[in-house]
């Protein structure tokens, strides 16, 4: 039981540190620090790619195209909205989903 409790506490601490780190990255982005974008983006890129594969019907080529477009769109929009974002993963996921929908509409 003690081991389980310690593991839960450790996971909670790591999640808090991650949220704090993301908040710091968003603050840096709002101040125009471009390096912060890549730190934030790369921490979510694998998850977003997996979502793109799903949303693009398993087509990896289309998923890569969607992720590339999402990267560019995030690069343009994230610094503008950084101060208002409270959940970066949710924001990036929604934005990436919208890119996938746009690609489906083009086809």
C-alpha atoms as a PDB file:
ATOM      1  CA  UNK A   1       0.000   0.000   0.000  1.00  0.00           C
ATOM      2  CA  UNK A   2       2.833   2.389   0.898  1.00  0.00           C
ATOM      3  CA  UNK A   3       4.523   1.733  -2.442  1.00  0.00           C
ATOM      4  CA  UNK A   4       1.270   2.477  -4.253  1.00  0.00           C
ATOM      5  CA  UNK A   5       0.814   5.726  -2.326  1.00  0.00           C
ATOM      6  CA  UNK A   6       4.378   6.834  -3.065  1.00  0.00           C
ATOM      7  CA  UNK A   7       3.882   6.084  -6.773  1.00  0.00           C
ATOM      8  CA  UNK A   8       0.656   8.118  -6.782  1.00  0.00           C
ATOM      9  CA  UNK A   9       2.389  11.018  -5.041  1.00  0.00           C
ATOM     10  CA  UNK A  10       5.281  10.842  -7.511  1.00  0.00           C
ATOM     11  CA  UNK A  11       2.896  10.870 -10.506  1.00  0.00           C
ATOM     12  CA  UNK A  12       1.008  13.811  -9.005  1.00  0.00           C
ATOM     13  CA  UNK A  13       4.260  15.709  -8.456  1.00  0.00           C
ATOM     14  CA  UNK A  14       5.417  15.004 -12.019  1.00  0.00           C
ATOM     15  CA  UNK A  15       2.082  16.170 -13.429  1.00  0.00           C
ATOM     16  CA  UNK A  16       2.273  19.378 -11.372  1.00  0.00           C
ATOM     17  CA  UNK A  17       5.841  20.002 -12.563  1.00  0.00           C
ATOM     18  CA  UNK A  18       4.727  19.397 -16.155  1.00  0.00           C
ATOM     19  CA  UNK A  19       1.813  21.836 -15.820  1.00  0.00           C
ATOM     20  CA  UNK A  20       4.127  24.412 -14.250  1.00  0.00           C
ATOM     21  CA  UNK A  21       6.709  23.907 -17.005  1.00  0.00           C
ATOM     22  CA  UNK A  22       4.034  24.325 -19.683  1.00  0.00           C
ATOM     23  CA  UNK A  23       2.747  27.480 -17.996  1.00  0.00           C
ATOM     24  CA  UNK A  24       6.297  28.850 -18.056  1.00  0.00           C
ATOM     25  CA  UNK A  25       6.654  27.968 -21.739  1.00  0.00           C
ATOM     26  CA  UNK A  26       3.363  29.705 -22.532  1.00  0.00           C
ATOM     27  CA  UNK A  27       4.555  32.790 -20.657  1.00  0.00           C
ATOM     28  CA  UNK A  28       7.822  32.767 -22.625  1.00  0.00           C
ATOM     29  CA  UNK A  29       5.870  32.384 -25.873  1.00  0.00           C
ATOM     30  CA  UNK A  30       3.687  35.364 -25.033  1.00  0.00           C
ATOM     31  CA  UNK A  31       6.913  37.349 -24.582  1.00  0.00           C
ATOM     32  CA  UNK A  32       8.123  36.339 -28.052  1.00  0.00           C
ATOM     33  CA  UNK A  33      10.641  33.633 -27.132  1.00  0.00           C
ATOM     34  CA  UNK A  34      10.510  31.285 -30.122  1.00  0.00           C
ATOM     35  CA  UNK A  35      12.516  28.487 -28.468  1.00  0.00           C
ATOM     36  CA  UNK A  36       9.597  27.980 -26.096  1.00  0.00           C
ATOM     37  CA  UNK A  37       7.396  26.995 -29.035  1.00  0.00           C
ATOM     38  CA  UNK A  38       9.594  24.041 -29.941  1.00  0.00           C
ATOM     39  CA  UNK A  39       9.840  22.833 -26.363  1.00  0.00           C
ATOM     40  CA  UNK A  40       6.067  22.883 -26.064  1.00  0.00           C
ATOM     41  CA  UNK A  41       5.365  21.474 -29.525  1.00  0.00           C
ATOM     42  CA  UNK A  42       7.844  18.608 -29.256  1.00  0.00           C
ATOM     43  CA  UNK A  43       6.396  17.519 -25.919  1.00  0.00           C
ATOM     44  CA  UNK A  44       3.024  16.954 -27.646  1.00  0.00           C
ATOM     45  CA  UNK A  45       4.105  16.029 -31.186  1.00  0.00           C
ATOM     46  CA  UNK A  46       3.963  12.236 -30.820  1.00  0.00           C
ATOM     47  CA  UNK A  47       0.485  12.383 -29.269  1.00  0.00           C
ATOM     48  CA  UNK A  48      -0.719  14.734 -32.011  1.00  0.00           C
ATOM     49  CA  UNK A  49       0.719  12.500 -34.734  1.00  0.00           C
ATOM     50  CA  UNK A  50      -1.165   9.507 -33.311  1.00  0.00           C
ATOM     51  CA  UNK A  51      -4.363  11.549 -33.289  1.00  0.00           C
ATOM     52  CA  UNK A  52      -3.722  12.631 -36.907  1.00  0.00           C
ATOM     53  CA  UNK A  53      -3.334   8.998 -37.983  1.00  0.00           C
ATOM     54  CA  UNK A  54      -6.693   8.254 -36.401  1.00  0.00           C
ATOM     55  CA  UNK A  55      -8.432  11.316 -37.837  1.00  0.00           C
ATOM     56  CA  UNK A  56      -6.987  10.704 -41.300  1.00  0.00           C
ATOM     57  CA  UNK A  57      -8.322   7.144 -41.410  1.00  0.00           C
ATOM     58  CA  UNK A  58      -4.984   5.435 -40.842  1.00  0.00           C
ATOM     59  CA  UNK A  59      -3.320   7.112 -43.830  1.00  0.00           C
ATOM     60  CA  UNK A  60       0.157   7.988 -42.540  1.00  0.00           C
ATOM     61  CA  UNK A  61       0.994  10.222 -45.510  1.00  0.00           C
ATOM     62  CA  UNK A  62      -2.115  12.336 -44.892  1.00  0.00           C
ATOM     63  CA  UNK A  63      -1.393  12.298 -41.153  1.00  0.00           C
ATOM     64  CA  UNK A  64       2.115  13.638 -41.775  1.00  0.00           C
ATOM     65  CA  UNK A  65       0.708  16.358 -44.029  1.00  0.00           C
ATOM     66  CA  UNK A  66      -1.851  17.289 -41.376  1.00  0.00           C
ATOM     67  CA  UNK A  67       0.803  17.405 -38.665  1.00  0.00           C
ATOM     68  CA  UNK A  68       3.039  19.588 -40.848  1.00  0.00           C
ATOM     69  CA  UNK A  69       0.197  22.029 -41.447  1.00  0.00           C
ATOM     70  CA  UNK A  70      -0.694  21.961 -37.749  1.00  0.00           C
ATOM     71  CA  UNK A  71       2.915  22.768 -36.845  1.00  0.00           C
ATOM     72  CA  UNK A  72       2.862  25.838 -39.079  1.00  0.00           C
ATOM     73  CA  UNK A  73      -0.532  26.952 -37.811  1.00  0.00           C
ATOM     74  CA  UNK A  74       0.537  26.487 -34.188  1.00  0.00           C
ATOM     75  CA  UNK A  75       3.755  28.423 -34.891  1.00  0.00           C
ATOM     76  CA  UNK A  76       1.643  31.319 -36.177  1.00  0.00           C
ATOM     77  CA  UNK A  77      -1.227  31.238 -33.655  1.00  0.00           C
ATOM     78  CA  UNK A  78       0.197  29.932 -30.378  1.00  0.00           C
ATOM     79  CA  UNK A  79       2.192  33.064 -29.469  1.00  0.00           C
ATOM     80  CA  UNK A  80      -0.895  35.216 -30.099  1.00  0.00           C
ATOM     81  CA  UNK A  81      -3.118  33.147 -27.805  1.00  0.00           C
ATOM     82  CA  UNK A  82      -0.515  31.902 -25.296  1.00  0.00           C
ATOM     83  CA  UNK A  83      -1.664  34.116 -22.419  1.00  0.00           C
ATOM     84  CA  UNK A  84      -5.227  32.755 -22.651  1.00  0.00           C
ATOM     85  CA  UNK A  85      -4.359  29.050 -22.967  1.00  0.00           C
ATOM     86  CA  UNK A  86      -4.787  27.023 -19.785  1.00  0.00           C
ATOM     87  CA  UNK A  87      -4.479  23.538 -21.295  1.00  0.00           C
ATOM     88  CA  UNK A  88      -1.883  23.464 -24.087  1.00  0.00           C
ATOM     89  CA  UNK A  89      -2.535  19.839 -25.022  1.00  0.00           C
ATOM     90  CA  UNK A  90      -6.255  20.484 -25.441  1.00  0.00           C
ATOM     91  CA  UNK A  91      -5.582  23.651 -27.455  1.00  0.00           C
ATOM     92  CA  UNK A  92      -3.065  21.910 -29.734  1.00  0.00           C
ATOM     93  CA  UNK A  93      -5.343  18.889 -30.121  1.00  0.00           C
ATOM     94  CA  UNK A  94      -8.350  21.001 -31.133  1.00  0.00           C
ATOM     95  CA  UNK A  95      -6.266  23.052 -33.551  1.00  0.00           C
ATOM     96  CA  UNK A  96      -4.762  19.892 -35.080  1.00  0.00           C
ATOM     97  CA  UNK A  97      -8.209  18.309 -35.386  1.00  0.00           C
ATOM     98  CA  UNK A  98      -9.430  21.404 -37.225  1.00  0.00           C
ATOM     99  CA  UNK A  99      -6.516  21.081 -39.666  1.00  0.00           C
ATOM    100  CA  UNK A 100      -7.499  17.446 -40.305  1.00  0.00           C
ATOM    101  CA  UNK A 101     -11.099  18.490 -40.944  1.00  0.00           C
ATOM    102  CA  UNK A 102      -9.872  21.148 -43.387  1.00  0.00           C
ATOM    103  CA  UNK A 103      -7.857  18.520 -45.282  1.00  0.00           C
ATOM    104  CA  UNK A 104     -10.896  16.236 -45.486  1.00  0.00           C
ATOM    105  CA  UNK A 105     -12.922  19.125 -46.906  1.00  0.00           C
ATOM    106  CA  UNK A 106     -10.278  19.755 -49.577  1.00  0.00           C
ATOM    107  CA  UNK A 107     -10.541  16.164 -50.790  1.00  0.00           C
END
